[in-house]
N, C-alpha and C. Protein backbone atom coordinates (compact mmCIF):
# COMPACT_ATOMS: atom_id res chain seq x y z
N MET A 1 18.05 -11.86 -10.18
CA MET A 1 18.22 -11.02 -9.05
C MET A 1 17.95 -11.80 -7.75
N ARG A 2 18.70 -11.67 -6.78
CA ARG A 2 18.49 -12.39 -5.54
C ARG A 2 17.88 -11.48 -4.52
N ALA A 3 17.00 -12.02 -3.72
CA ALA A 3 16.40 -11.29 -2.71
C ALA A 3 17.01 -11.73 -1.36
N HIS A 4 17.32 -10.78 -0.58
CA HIS A 4 17.93 -11.09 0.75
C HIS A 4 16.92 -10.73 1.82
N ALA A 5 16.83 -11.60 2.77
CA ALA A 5 15.97 -11.33 3.95
C ALA A 5 16.84 -11.03 5.11
N CYS A 6 16.56 -9.99 5.80
CA CYS A 6 17.33 -9.62 7.00
C CYS A 6 16.45 -9.64 8.19
N ARG A 7 17.01 -10.00 9.27
CA ARG A 7 16.24 -10.00 10.51
C ARG A 7 16.90 -8.97 11.44
N GLN A 8 16.11 -8.11 11.95
CA GLN A 8 16.68 -7.13 12.83
C GLN A 8 16.69 -7.67 14.27
N SER A 9 17.72 -7.45 14.96
CA SER A 9 17.77 -7.86 16.34
C SER A 9 17.69 -6.65 17.24
N HIS A 10 16.95 -6.79 18.32
CA HIS A 10 16.81 -5.69 19.23
C HIS A 10 17.50 -6.04 20.51
N VAL A 11 18.28 -5.12 21.06
CA VAL A 11 18.95 -5.34 22.32
C VAL A 11 18.44 -4.29 23.26
N ILE A 12 18.01 -4.75 24.40
CA ILE A 12 17.51 -3.83 25.44
C ILE A 12 18.48 -3.89 26.56
N VAL A 13 18.99 -2.75 26.92
CA VAL A 13 19.96 -2.69 28.03
C VAL A 13 19.31 -1.90 29.16
N THR A 14 19.38 -2.50 30.31
CA THR A 14 18.88 -1.79 31.46
C THR A 14 20.00 -1.47 32.36
N LEU A 15 19.95 -0.27 32.93
CA LEU A 15 21.00 0.17 33.87
C LEU A 15 20.54 -0.04 35.27
N PRO A 16 21.44 -0.36 36.12
CA PRO A 16 21.06 -0.49 37.52
C PRO A 16 20.63 0.84 38.07
N PRO A 17 19.83 0.90 39.08
CA PRO A 17 19.32 2.14 39.61
C PRO A 17 20.32 3.12 40.15
N TYR A 18 21.46 2.62 40.48
CA TYR A 18 22.48 3.58 41.04
C TYR A 18 23.15 4.42 40.02
N HIS A 19 22.92 4.14 38.71
CA HIS A 19 23.52 5.03 37.69
C HIS A 19 22.67 6.27 37.42
N PHE A 20 21.49 6.33 37.95
CA PHE A 20 20.67 7.53 37.71
C PHE A 20 21.04 8.57 38.73
N PRO A 21 21.25 9.79 38.34
CA PRO A 21 21.63 10.82 39.35
C PRO A 21 20.45 11.12 40.29
N SER A 22 20.78 11.30 41.49
CA SER A 22 19.76 11.60 42.48
C SER A 22 19.57 13.12 42.50
N ALA A 23 18.57 13.59 43.09
CA ALA A 23 18.25 15.02 43.13
C ALA A 23 19.30 15.73 43.98
N LEU A 24 19.81 16.83 43.46
CA LEU A 24 20.79 17.64 44.18
C LEU A 24 20.14 18.81 44.83
N ARG A 25 20.55 19.06 45.99
CA ARG A 25 20.07 20.20 46.70
C ARG A 25 21.20 21.09 47.05
N LEU A 26 21.15 22.33 46.65
CA LEU A 26 22.18 23.31 46.98
C LEU A 26 21.64 24.38 47.87
N TYR A 27 22.41 24.75 48.84
CA TYR A 27 21.97 25.76 49.78
C TYR A 27 23.02 26.86 49.77
N SER A 28 22.57 28.12 49.91
CA SER A 28 23.50 29.21 50.01
C SER A 28 23.36 29.93 51.31
N THR A 29 24.39 30.65 51.62
CA THR A 29 24.38 31.43 52.90
C THR A 29 24.28 32.85 52.51
N GLU A 30 23.98 33.69 53.45
CA GLU A 30 23.97 35.13 53.23
C GLU A 30 25.33 35.64 52.96
N LYS A 31 25.46 36.73 52.16
CA LYS A 31 26.75 37.30 51.90
C LYS A 31 27.25 37.99 53.16
N GLN A 32 28.52 37.78 53.35
CA GLN A 32 29.18 38.45 54.50
C GLN A 32 29.50 39.88 54.08
N PRO A 33 29.67 40.76 54.97
CA PRO A 33 29.97 42.18 54.60
C PRO A 33 31.28 42.31 53.81
N GLU A 34 32.26 41.50 54.11
CA GLU A 34 33.51 41.57 53.39
C GLU A 34 33.32 41.19 51.92
N GLU A 35 32.53 40.11 51.64
CA GLU A 35 32.23 39.69 50.32
C GLU A 35 31.49 40.74 49.52
N ALA A 36 30.52 41.37 50.20
CA ALA A 36 29.75 42.40 49.55
C ALA A 36 30.63 43.61 49.16
N ALA A 37 31.58 43.93 50.02
CA ALA A 37 32.49 45.08 49.75
C ALA A 37 33.38 44.76 48.57
N ALA A 38 33.88 43.49 48.51
CA ALA A 38 34.74 43.07 47.37
C ALA A 38 33.96 43.03 46.09
N ALA A 39 32.72 42.55 46.11
CA ALA A 39 31.92 42.52 44.90
C ALA A 39 31.60 43.93 44.43
N GLY A 40 31.36 44.84 45.35
CA GLY A 40 31.08 46.24 44.99
C GLY A 40 32.31 46.91 44.44
N ALA A 41 33.45 46.59 44.91
CA ALA A 41 34.71 47.16 44.38
C ALA A 41 35.04 46.67 43.00
N ALA A 42 34.65 45.39 42.70
CA ALA A 42 34.92 44.82 41.39
C ALA A 42 34.06 45.44 40.32
N GLU A 43 32.86 45.85 40.64
CA GLU A 43 31.99 46.44 39.63
C GLU A 43 32.42 47.85 39.37
N PRO A 44 32.55 48.26 38.11
CA PRO A 44 32.99 49.63 37.81
C PRO A 44 31.90 50.63 38.08
N LYS A 45 32.31 51.77 38.47
CA LYS A 45 31.33 52.86 38.71
C LYS A 45 31.03 53.45 37.37
N THR A 46 29.79 53.78 37.13
CA THR A 46 29.40 54.44 35.90
C THR A 46 28.72 55.75 36.24
N PRO A 47 29.49 56.70 36.62
CA PRO A 47 28.87 58.00 36.88
C PRO A 47 28.54 58.64 35.55
N ALA A 48 27.63 59.56 35.59
CA ALA A 48 27.16 60.25 34.37
C ALA A 48 28.26 61.08 33.74
N SER A 49 29.07 61.71 34.53
CA SER A 49 30.13 62.55 33.97
C SER A 49 31.32 62.57 34.94
N SER A 50 32.44 62.17 34.45
CA SER A 50 33.61 62.20 35.29
C SER A 50 34.78 62.73 34.44
N PRO A 51 35.80 63.28 35.06
CA PRO A 51 36.93 63.82 34.26
C PRO A 51 37.66 62.73 33.49
N GLU A 52 37.71 61.54 34.07
CA GLU A 52 38.40 60.42 33.33
C GLU A 52 37.68 60.02 32.08
N LEU A 53 36.34 60.00 32.19
CA LEU A 53 35.50 59.63 31.00
C LEU A 53 35.66 60.69 29.92
N GLU A 54 35.62 61.90 30.28
CA GLU A 54 35.78 62.99 29.30
C GLU A 54 37.16 62.92 28.59
N LYS A 55 38.20 62.64 29.41
CA LYS A 55 39.55 62.56 28.87
C LYS A 55 39.66 61.39 27.93
N LEU A 56 39.09 60.25 28.30
CA LEU A 56 39.13 59.07 27.40
C LEU A 56 38.34 59.33 26.10
N THR A 57 37.22 60.00 26.21
CA THR A 57 36.42 60.34 25.04
C THR A 57 37.20 61.26 24.08
N LYS A 58 37.87 62.26 24.66
CA LYS A 58 38.71 63.13 23.81
C LYS A 58 39.85 62.41 23.22
N ASP A 59 40.49 61.49 23.95
CA ASP A 59 41.58 60.71 23.44
C ASP A 59 41.12 59.82 22.28
N LEU A 60 39.91 59.22 22.47
CA LEU A 60 39.37 58.33 21.38
C LEU A 60 39.05 59.16 20.14
N ALA A 61 38.50 60.31 20.31
CA ALA A 61 38.19 61.15 19.13
C ALA A 61 39.50 61.61 18.41
N ALA A 62 40.55 61.94 19.20
CA ALA A 62 41.81 62.31 18.61
C ALA A 62 42.46 61.14 17.90
N ALA A 63 42.35 59.96 18.49
CA ALA A 63 42.90 58.77 17.81
C ALA A 63 42.16 58.41 16.55
N LYS A 64 40.84 58.59 16.55
CA LYS A 64 40.09 58.37 15.33
C LYS A 64 40.49 59.37 14.25
N GLU A 65 40.63 60.61 14.62
CA GLU A 65 41.02 61.62 13.64
C GLU A 65 42.41 61.36 13.11
N GLN A 66 43.35 60.95 14.00
CA GLN A 66 44.71 60.64 13.56
C GLN A 66 44.67 59.42 12.62
N ASN A 67 43.85 58.43 12.97
CA ASN A 67 43.71 57.22 12.12
C ASN A 67 43.24 57.60 10.73
N ALA A 68 42.21 58.44 10.68
CA ALA A 68 41.68 58.91 9.38
C ALA A 68 42.75 59.63 8.56
N GLU A 69 43.53 60.49 9.22
CA GLU A 69 44.60 61.22 8.51
C GLU A 69 45.66 60.27 7.99
N LEU A 70 46.06 59.30 8.78
CA LEU A 70 47.07 58.33 8.35
C LEU A 70 46.55 57.45 7.23
N LEU A 71 45.27 57.06 7.29
CA LEU A 71 44.70 56.27 6.21
C LEU A 71 44.68 57.06 4.95
N ASP A 72 44.30 58.34 5.03
CA ASP A 72 44.29 59.21 3.83
C ASP A 72 45.68 59.36 3.23
N LYS A 73 46.73 59.54 4.10
CA LYS A 73 48.08 59.68 3.61
C LYS A 73 48.55 58.34 2.98
N TYR A 74 48.16 57.25 3.55
CA TYR A 74 48.53 55.88 3.04
C TYR A 74 47.89 55.72 1.64
N LYS A 75 46.63 56.05 1.49
CA LYS A 75 45.97 55.89 0.21
C LYS A 75 46.58 56.84 -0.87
N ARG A 76 46.94 58.03 -0.42
CA ARG A 76 47.56 58.99 -1.38
C ARG A 76 48.97 58.49 -1.79
N SER A 77 49.70 57.94 -0.85
CA SER A 77 51.04 57.44 -1.21
C SER A 77 50.93 56.22 -2.10
N LEU A 78 49.97 55.36 -1.94
CA LEU A 78 49.73 54.23 -2.87
C LEU A 78 49.40 54.75 -4.25
N ALA A 79 48.54 55.75 -4.31
CA ALA A 79 48.13 56.29 -5.60
C ALA A 79 49.39 56.98 -6.29
N ASP A 80 50.16 57.68 -5.46
CA ASP A 80 51.37 58.33 -6.05
C ASP A 80 52.36 57.29 -6.56
N SER A 81 52.53 56.20 -5.82
CA SER A 81 53.49 55.17 -6.32
C SER A 81 52.97 54.51 -7.55
N GLU A 82 51.65 54.28 -7.65
CA GLU A 82 51.08 53.68 -8.85
C GLU A 82 51.23 54.61 -10.07
N ASN A 83 51.02 55.93 -9.84
CA ASN A 83 51.17 56.89 -10.89
C ASN A 83 52.62 56.97 -11.34
N MET A 84 53.56 56.90 -10.37
CA MET A 84 54.98 56.92 -10.70
C MET A 84 55.36 55.72 -11.51
N ARG A 85 54.86 54.53 -11.15
CA ARG A 85 55.19 53.33 -11.88
C ARG A 85 54.67 53.42 -13.32
N ASN A 86 53.43 53.90 -13.49
CA ASN A 86 52.88 54.07 -14.84
C ASN A 86 53.70 55.03 -15.62
N ARG A 87 54.10 56.15 -15.00
CA ARG A 87 54.88 57.16 -15.70
C ARG A 87 56.24 56.63 -16.13
N LEU A 88 56.88 55.86 -15.25
CA LEU A 88 58.19 55.26 -15.55
C LEU A 88 58.05 54.25 -16.64
N ASN A 89 56.99 53.42 -16.65
CA ASN A 89 56.81 52.44 -17.72
C ASN A 89 56.65 53.16 -19.05
N LYS A 90 55.91 54.26 -19.06
CA LYS A 90 55.72 55.03 -20.30
C LYS A 90 57.03 55.62 -20.75
N GLN A 91 57.79 56.14 -19.83
CA GLN A 91 59.11 56.72 -20.20
C GLN A 91 60.04 55.66 -20.75
N ILE A 92 59.99 54.50 -20.18
CA ILE A 92 60.82 53.36 -20.68
C ILE A 92 60.45 52.96 -22.11
N SER A 93 59.13 52.84 -22.32
CA SER A 93 58.70 52.43 -23.67
C SER A 93 59.00 53.58 -24.69
N ASP A 94 58.82 54.83 -24.26
CA ASP A 94 59.16 55.96 -25.14
C ASP A 94 60.67 55.98 -25.43
N ALA A 95 61.50 55.65 -24.44
CA ALA A 95 62.93 55.66 -24.66
C ALA A 95 63.35 54.54 -25.64
N LYS A 96 62.65 53.40 -25.50
CA LYS A 96 62.94 52.30 -26.43
C LYS A 96 62.57 52.70 -27.84
N ILE A 97 61.40 53.28 -28.01
CA ILE A 97 61.00 53.67 -29.34
C ILE A 97 61.90 54.77 -29.89
N PHE A 98 62.29 55.75 -29.09
CA PHE A 98 63.19 56.80 -29.54
C PHE A 98 64.56 56.23 -29.92
N GLY A 99 65.05 55.26 -29.13
CA GLY A 99 66.33 54.70 -29.41
C GLY A 99 66.34 53.87 -30.71
N ILE A 100 65.31 53.21 -31.00
CA ILE A 100 65.24 52.35 -32.23
C ILE A 100 64.80 53.19 -33.43
N GLN A 101 64.18 54.31 -33.20
CA GLN A 101 63.58 55.10 -34.25
C GLN A 101 64.60 55.56 -35.27
N SER A 102 65.72 56.13 -34.84
CA SER A 102 66.68 56.65 -35.78
C SER A 102 67.38 55.49 -36.58
N PHE A 103 67.61 54.38 -35.85
CA PHE A 103 68.22 53.20 -36.50
C PHE A 103 67.27 52.64 -37.53
N CYS A 104 66.03 52.54 -37.20
CA CYS A 104 65.04 52.04 -38.16
C CYS A 104 64.91 52.96 -39.40
N LYS A 105 64.93 54.24 -39.10
CA LYS A 105 64.79 55.21 -40.21
C LYS A 105 65.90 55.05 -41.22
N ASP A 106 67.12 54.76 -40.73
CA ASP A 106 68.21 54.52 -41.69
C ASP A 106 68.03 53.21 -42.43
N LEU A 107 67.53 52.20 -41.79
CA LEU A 107 67.36 50.87 -42.47
C LEU A 107 66.21 50.92 -43.43
N LEU A 108 65.25 51.84 -43.20
CA LEU A 108 64.09 51.93 -44.14
C LEU A 108 64.55 52.25 -45.59
N GLU A 109 65.59 53.02 -45.70
CA GLU A 109 66.09 53.34 -47.04
C GLU A 109 66.65 52.09 -47.71
N VAL A 110 67.21 51.22 -46.92
CA VAL A 110 67.76 49.97 -47.48
C VAL A 110 66.57 49.10 -47.94
N ALA A 111 65.58 48.99 -47.10
CA ALA A 111 64.39 48.18 -47.44
C ALA A 111 63.70 48.74 -48.70
N ASP A 112 63.58 50.07 -48.82
CA ASP A 112 63.00 50.67 -49.99
C ASP A 112 63.81 50.38 -51.25
N THR A 113 65.10 50.48 -51.14
CA THR A 113 66.04 50.21 -52.26
C THR A 113 65.87 48.76 -52.69
N LEU A 114 65.83 47.83 -51.72
CA LEU A 114 65.60 46.41 -52.09
C LEU A 114 64.28 46.19 -52.78
N GLY A 115 63.23 46.89 -52.31
CA GLY A 115 61.92 46.79 -52.92
C GLY A 115 61.92 47.29 -54.36
N HIS A 116 62.58 48.41 -54.58
CA HIS A 116 62.67 48.98 -55.96
C HIS A 116 63.50 48.08 -56.87
N ALA A 117 64.57 47.50 -56.29
CA ALA A 117 65.41 46.58 -57.10
C ALA A 117 64.63 45.36 -57.58
N THR A 118 63.84 44.78 -56.64
CA THR A 118 63.06 43.58 -57.08
C THR A 118 61.95 43.97 -58.07
N GLN A 119 61.42 45.17 -57.97
CA GLN A 119 60.38 45.61 -58.93
C GLN A 119 61.01 45.91 -60.29
N ALA A 120 62.24 46.29 -60.30
CA ALA A 120 62.87 46.70 -61.56
C ALA A 120 63.25 45.42 -62.44
N VAL A 121 63.32 44.30 -61.84
CA VAL A 121 63.70 43.08 -62.61
C VAL A 121 62.53 42.68 -63.47
N PRO A 122 62.77 42.56 -64.81
CA PRO A 122 61.69 42.15 -65.69
C PRO A 122 61.35 40.67 -65.42
N LYS A 123 60.10 40.38 -65.17
CA LYS A 123 59.67 39.06 -64.82
C LYS A 123 59.83 38.04 -65.98
N ASP A 124 59.68 38.56 -67.19
CA ASP A 124 59.72 37.64 -68.39
C ASP A 124 61.18 37.17 -68.65
N LYS A 125 62.19 37.86 -68.15
CA LYS A 125 63.58 37.45 -68.41
C LYS A 125 64.12 36.55 -67.29
N LEU A 126 63.34 36.31 -66.21
CA LEU A 126 63.86 35.48 -65.11
C LEU A 126 64.00 34.02 -65.56
N SER A 127 63.09 33.53 -66.36
CA SER A 127 63.14 32.13 -66.75
C SER A 127 64.32 31.84 -67.71
N GLY A 128 64.73 32.75 -68.50
CA GLY A 128 65.75 32.56 -69.43
C GLY A 128 67.20 32.80 -68.91
N ASN A 129 67.32 33.54 -67.81
CA ASN A 129 68.61 33.87 -67.30
C ASN A 129 68.76 33.37 -65.84
N ALA A 130 69.56 32.37 -65.62
CA ALA A 130 69.71 31.77 -64.30
C ALA A 130 70.36 32.73 -63.31
N ASP A 131 71.36 33.55 -63.78
CA ASP A 131 72.05 34.48 -62.90
C ASP A 131 71.05 35.53 -62.46
N LEU A 132 70.25 36.06 -63.34
CA LEU A 132 69.26 37.11 -62.98
C LEU A 132 68.27 36.52 -62.03
N LYS A 133 67.88 35.29 -62.25
CA LYS A 133 66.91 34.65 -61.35
C LYS A 133 67.48 34.50 -59.94
N ASN A 134 68.76 34.11 -59.85
CA ASN A 134 69.40 33.95 -58.52
C ASN A 134 69.51 35.28 -57.83
N LEU A 135 69.88 36.32 -58.58
CA LEU A 135 69.98 37.65 -58.02
C LEU A 135 68.66 38.16 -57.53
N TYR A 136 67.63 37.91 -58.30
CA TYR A 136 66.24 38.29 -57.92
C TYR A 136 65.81 37.61 -56.65
N GLU A 137 66.01 36.28 -56.60
CA GLU A 137 65.65 35.51 -55.39
C GLU A 137 66.43 35.98 -54.17
N GLY A 138 67.73 36.30 -54.35
CA GLY A 138 68.57 36.78 -53.24
C GLY A 138 68.04 38.11 -52.70
N LEU A 139 67.71 39.03 -53.62
CA LEU A 139 67.15 40.33 -53.19
C LEU A 139 65.84 40.17 -52.51
N THR A 140 64.99 39.26 -53.02
CA THR A 140 63.68 39.04 -52.37
C THR A 140 63.82 38.45 -50.97
N MET A 141 64.71 37.46 -50.83
CA MET A 141 64.95 36.87 -49.51
C MET A 141 65.51 37.86 -48.56
N THR A 142 66.46 38.72 -48.99
CA THR A 142 67.08 39.72 -48.15
C THR A 142 66.04 40.70 -47.67
N ARG A 143 65.16 41.16 -48.57
CA ARG A 143 64.11 42.09 -48.18
C ARG A 143 63.18 41.44 -47.22
N ALA A 144 62.79 40.20 -47.43
CA ALA A 144 61.83 39.47 -46.56
C ALA A 144 62.45 39.34 -45.16
N SER A 145 63.72 39.05 -45.12
CA SER A 145 64.42 38.90 -43.83
C SER A 145 64.48 40.19 -43.09
N LEU A 146 64.74 41.27 -43.78
CA LEU A 146 64.81 42.61 -43.24
C LEU A 146 63.41 43.01 -42.68
N LEU A 147 62.34 42.72 -43.44
CA LEU A 147 60.99 43.00 -42.95
C LEU A 147 60.65 42.17 -41.73
N GLN A 148 61.14 40.97 -41.59
CA GLN A 148 60.89 40.16 -40.41
C GLN A 148 61.56 40.83 -39.20
N VAL A 149 62.76 41.32 -39.39
CA VAL A 149 63.45 41.96 -38.28
C VAL A 149 62.71 43.24 -37.91
N PHE A 150 62.20 44.00 -38.86
CA PHE A 150 61.42 45.16 -38.56
C PHE A 150 60.17 44.77 -37.72
N LYS A 151 59.49 43.73 -38.17
CA LYS A 151 58.30 43.30 -37.46
C LYS A 151 58.55 42.88 -36.06
N ARG A 152 59.69 42.19 -35.86
CA ARG A 152 60.06 41.73 -34.51
C ARG A 152 60.31 42.89 -33.55
N HIS A 153 60.74 44.05 -34.11
CA HIS A 153 61.01 45.23 -33.27
C HIS A 153 59.85 46.23 -33.33
N GLY A 154 58.72 45.80 -33.84
CA GLY A 154 57.52 46.72 -33.80
C GLY A 154 57.41 47.65 -34.98
N LEU A 155 58.15 47.45 -36.07
CA LEU A 155 58.06 48.35 -37.22
C LEU A 155 57.36 47.54 -38.29
N GLU A 156 56.16 48.05 -38.69
CA GLU A 156 55.37 47.33 -39.70
C GLU A 156 55.10 48.20 -40.89
N PRO A 157 55.18 47.63 -42.10
CA PRO A 157 54.94 48.44 -43.32
C PRO A 157 53.42 48.71 -43.45
N LEU A 158 53.14 49.92 -43.97
CA LEU A 158 51.79 50.31 -44.31
C LEU A 158 51.65 50.36 -45.85
N ASP A 159 50.94 49.43 -46.36
CA ASP A 159 50.76 49.47 -47.87
C ASP A 159 49.31 49.84 -48.13
N PRO A 160 49.11 51.15 -48.54
CA PRO A 160 47.76 51.63 -48.68
C PRO A 160 47.11 51.41 -50.07
N ILE A 161 47.69 50.53 -50.84
CA ILE A 161 47.12 50.28 -52.23
C ILE A 161 45.67 49.89 -52.11
N ASN A 162 44.83 50.48 -52.90
CA ASN A 162 43.39 50.22 -52.99
C ASN A 162 42.64 50.53 -51.70
N GLN A 163 43.22 51.40 -50.83
CA GLN A 163 42.55 51.86 -49.67
C GLN A 163 42.21 53.38 -49.84
N LYS A 164 41.27 53.86 -49.02
CA LYS A 164 40.95 55.27 -49.07
C LYS A 164 42.15 56.11 -48.61
N PHE A 165 42.31 57.26 -49.27
CA PHE A 165 43.39 58.16 -48.88
C PHE A 165 43.15 58.72 -47.50
N ASP A 166 44.11 58.62 -46.61
CA ASP A 166 44.02 59.18 -45.27
C ASP A 166 45.12 60.19 -45.11
N PRO A 167 44.85 61.51 -44.99
CA PRO A 167 45.87 62.49 -44.94
C PRO A 167 46.70 62.39 -43.63
N ASN A 168 46.22 61.72 -42.63
CA ASN A 168 46.97 61.52 -41.39
C ASN A 168 48.09 60.49 -41.61
N GLN A 169 47.97 59.59 -42.56
CA GLN A 169 48.95 58.55 -42.76
C GLN A 169 49.65 58.56 -44.12
N HIS A 170 49.01 59.27 -45.06
CA HIS A 170 49.52 59.24 -46.46
C HIS A 170 49.92 60.68 -46.86
N GLU A 171 50.85 60.69 -47.83
CA GLU A 171 51.22 62.01 -48.41
C GLU A 171 50.94 61.90 -49.92
N ALA A 172 50.01 62.73 -50.38
CA ALA A 172 49.63 62.71 -51.83
C ALA A 172 50.63 63.49 -52.64
N LEU A 173 51.19 62.83 -53.67
CA LEU A 173 52.09 63.46 -54.56
C LEU A 173 51.41 63.99 -55.84
N PHE A 174 50.43 63.22 -56.26
CA PHE A 174 49.67 63.61 -57.49
C PHE A 174 48.35 62.88 -57.43
N GLN A 175 47.41 63.32 -58.30
CA GLN A 175 46.15 62.66 -58.48
C GLN A 175 46.10 62.07 -59.88
N LYS A 176 45.45 60.92 -60.02
CA LYS A 176 45.38 60.23 -61.29
C LYS A 176 43.93 59.81 -61.48
N GLU A 177 43.44 60.02 -62.68
CA GLU A 177 42.06 59.61 -62.98
C GLU A 177 42.07 58.11 -63.33
N ASP A 178 41.14 57.40 -62.66
CA ASP A 178 41.01 55.97 -62.93
C ASP A 178 39.55 55.62 -62.67
N LYS A 179 38.85 55.27 -63.75
CA LYS A 179 37.43 54.95 -63.69
C LYS A 179 37.15 53.59 -63.01
N THR A 180 38.17 52.76 -62.82
CA THR A 180 37.93 51.43 -62.24
C THR A 180 37.89 51.47 -60.71
N VAL A 181 38.31 52.52 -60.05
CA VAL A 181 38.31 52.64 -58.61
C VAL A 181 37.52 53.87 -58.18
N GLU A 182 37.12 53.90 -56.90
CA GLU A 182 36.44 55.04 -56.36
C GLU A 182 37.35 56.24 -56.26
N ALA A 183 36.74 57.43 -56.14
CA ALA A 183 37.55 58.62 -55.94
C ALA A 183 38.26 58.57 -54.55
N ASN A 184 39.38 59.21 -54.46
CA ASN A 184 40.22 59.29 -53.29
C ASN A 184 40.75 57.92 -52.81
N THR A 185 40.99 57.02 -53.77
CA THR A 185 41.57 55.73 -53.49
C THR A 185 43.06 55.74 -53.92
N VAL A 186 43.90 55.18 -53.13
CA VAL A 186 45.35 55.10 -53.40
C VAL A 186 45.56 54.07 -54.49
N VAL A 187 46.12 54.46 -55.65
CA VAL A 187 46.33 53.50 -56.71
C VAL A 187 47.82 53.23 -56.96
N GLU A 188 48.72 54.13 -56.48
CA GLU A 188 50.14 53.96 -56.70
C GLU A 188 50.91 54.44 -55.45
N VAL A 189 51.91 53.70 -55.08
CA VAL A 189 52.77 54.08 -53.93
C VAL A 189 54.18 54.21 -54.42
N THR A 190 54.76 55.40 -54.20
CA THR A 190 56.18 55.61 -54.66
C THR A 190 57.14 55.26 -53.55
N LYS A 191 56.72 55.46 -52.30
CA LYS A 191 57.59 55.11 -51.15
C LYS A 191 56.69 54.54 -50.05
N LEU A 192 57.02 53.33 -49.60
CA LEU A 192 56.16 52.63 -48.60
C LEU A 192 56.39 53.28 -47.28
N GLY A 193 55.30 53.41 -46.55
CA GLY A 193 55.31 53.97 -45.22
C GLY A 193 55.45 52.86 -44.13
N TYR A 194 55.90 53.22 -42.97
CA TYR A 194 56.06 52.21 -41.85
C TYR A 194 55.48 52.83 -40.58
N LYS A 195 55.07 51.93 -39.72
CA LYS A 195 54.49 52.37 -38.44
C LYS A 195 55.29 51.68 -37.31
N LEU A 196 55.76 52.46 -36.35
CA LEU A 196 56.51 51.94 -35.20
C LEU A 196 55.59 51.90 -33.98
N HIS A 197 55.45 50.71 -33.44
CA HIS A 197 54.59 50.50 -32.27
C HIS A 197 55.32 50.73 -31.01
């Protein structure tokens, strides 16, 4: 490490005496009567009660009241427009759901038929029969593709197997005793349900 030594230099500057301001002396004269009259006219009169002051006070109160009314109307119109926008957005989403609902309902039958067809194919015969295997794979892929289209449009399957029975979402066709599961548990689904978002 190096050490550096620095030397400070001091510079003293002196100014010649004529740069210092000398004492100023200011003198005033008495106000002339004309100046006094002009100064008096410039200052406003503040009488305790005058008709102009009362009129201005009434005008100010009326303006404040009108301002409050206009502000209230403005806030109400903003709230009305926000409510209208929300109502229209809800109507648009309801119209979309209503428009797609009947179309989806018709396609659900196709999806159910494809599901039943794939379940009906015996799994042990798939390995021995190439045509049956190709048919099974085609049905499975078609059903999967259809379910993806459903999902893209907000239609999702509800598979309640091994879930508690919910009368709001499920329709019970029969009861079956099964000691391996709890009571009121769905053990068999005859027709899959769907939910439209």
